[in-house]
Amino acid sequence: MVAAYAYARTGYHRGLDALRRAGWRGQGPIPAAHQPNQGFLRALLALAEAAAAIGEQDEADRCRQFLLDSGTSADEVAGLRAS
């Protein structure tokens, strides 16, 4: 599970860098319906799940709150996995 955490963390940071290059300023919506955002949002959810699995509940909670603050939810992002 530590490997899953490491992969998710890398995806999260790469996605965050891409969002910032695209003009996102660190707050506000990250629409799940916008395809270029979906990789970042999936990485963020994977990070939340992996953090919870290795006992890092504070980080898992922060990641889930980040999803909510971005205008989406864990359930909405989980639905992207099927597509």
Protein backbone atom coordinates (compact mmCIF):
# COMPACT_ATOMS: atom_id res chain seq x y z
CA MET A 1 0.00 0.00 0.00
CA VAL A 2 2.98 2.32 0.51
CA ALA A 3 3.73 2.04 -3.22
CA ALA A 4 0.15 3.09 -4.03
CA TYR A 5 0.58 6.08 -1.71
CA ALA A 6 3.84 7.06 -3.44
CA TYR A 7 2.30 6.80 -6.92
CA ALA A 8 -0.77 8.79 -5.88
CA ARG A 9 1.38 11.47 -4.25
CA THR A 10 3.44 11.83 -7.42
CA GLY A 11 0.29 12.10 -9.55
CA TYR A 12 -1.12 14.68 -7.15
CA HIS A 13 1.99 16.88 -7.34
CA ARG A 14 2.30 16.60 -11.13
CA GLY A 15 -1.39 17.43 -11.50
CA LEU A 16 -1.13 20.37 -9.13
CA ASP A 17 1.78 21.72 -11.17
CA ALA A 18 -0.27 21.38 -14.36
CA LEU A 19 -3.24 23.20 -12.80
CA ARG A 20 -1.00 26.06 -11.74
CA ARG A 21 0.58 26.29 -15.20
CA ALA A 22 -2.96 26.53 -16.59
CA GLY A 23 -3.68 29.52 -14.36
CA TRP A 24 -5.30 28.03 -11.25
CA ARG A 25 -4.25 30.13 -8.25
CA GLY A 26 -4.58 27.61 -5.45
CA GLN A 27 -8.24 28.05 -4.63
CA GLY A 28 -11.57 27.83 -6.31
CA PRO A 29 -13.32 25.23 -8.38
CA ILE A 30 -11.63 22.42 -10.26
CA PRO A 31 -14.57 21.09 -12.28
CA ALA A 32 -14.65 17.32 -12.60
CA ALA A 33 -16.54 17.65 -15.89
CA HIS A 34 -13.50 19.35 -17.46
CA GLN A 35 -11.48 16.40 -18.82
CA PRO A 36 -8.01 17.96 -18.23
CA ASN A 37 -8.82 18.17 -14.48
CA GLN A 38 -9.81 14.54 -14.13
CA GLY A 39 -6.32 13.07 -13.77
CA PHE A 40 -5.52 15.42 -10.91
CA LEU A 41 -8.83 14.74 -9.19
CA ARG A 42 -8.40 10.97 -9.51
CA ALA A 43 -4.86 11.25 -8.10
CA LEU A 44 -6.19 13.32 -5.20
CA LEU A 45 -8.82 10.69 -4.42
CA ALA A 46 -6.24 7.89 -4.74
CA LEU A 47 -4.00 9.81 -2.33
CA ALA A 48 -6.86 10.12 0.17
CA GLU A 49 -7.59 6.41 -0.06
CA ALA A 50 -3.94 5.34 0.17
CA ALA A 51 -3.28 7.71 3.08
CA ALA A 52 -6.23 6.22 4.97
CA ALA A 53 -5.00 2.70 4.22
CA ILE A 54 -1.58 3.39 5.77
CA GLY A 55 -3.01 5.15 8.80
CA GLU A 56 -2.45 8.76 7.73
CA GLN A 57 -6.01 9.81 8.52
CA ASP A 58 -5.20 13.54 8.82
CA GLU A 59 -3.87 13.55 5.26
CA ALA A 60 -6.81 11.49 4.02
CA ASP A 61 -9.18 14.03 5.59
CA ARG A 62 -7.27 16.97 4.05
CA CYS A 63 -7.46 15.37 0.60
CA ARG A 64 -11.20 14.76 0.89
CA GLN A 65 -11.70 18.34 2.08
CA PHE A 66 -9.64 19.54 -0.90
CA LEU A 67 -12.07 17.69 -3.18
CA LEU A 68 -15.02 19.41 -1.51
CA ASP A 69 -13.31 22.81 -1.63
CA SER A 70 -12.72 22.21 -5.34
CA GLY A 71 -16.42 21.84 -5.97
CA THR A 72 -16.55 18.07 -6.26
CA SER A 73 -16.72 15.05 -3.99
CA ALA A 74 -15.06 11.70 -3.53
CA ASP A 75 -18.17 10.02 -4.97
CA GLU A 76 -18.15 12.19 -8.11
CA VAL A 77 -14.46 11.56 -8.71
CA ALA A 78 -14.87 7.83 -8.04
CA GLY A 79 -17.47 7.86 -10.82
CA LEU A 80 -14.76 9.04 -13.22
CA ARG A 81 -12.95 5.72 -12.79
CA ALA A 82 -15.63 3.95 -14.80
CA SER A 83 -15.19 6.31 -17.73
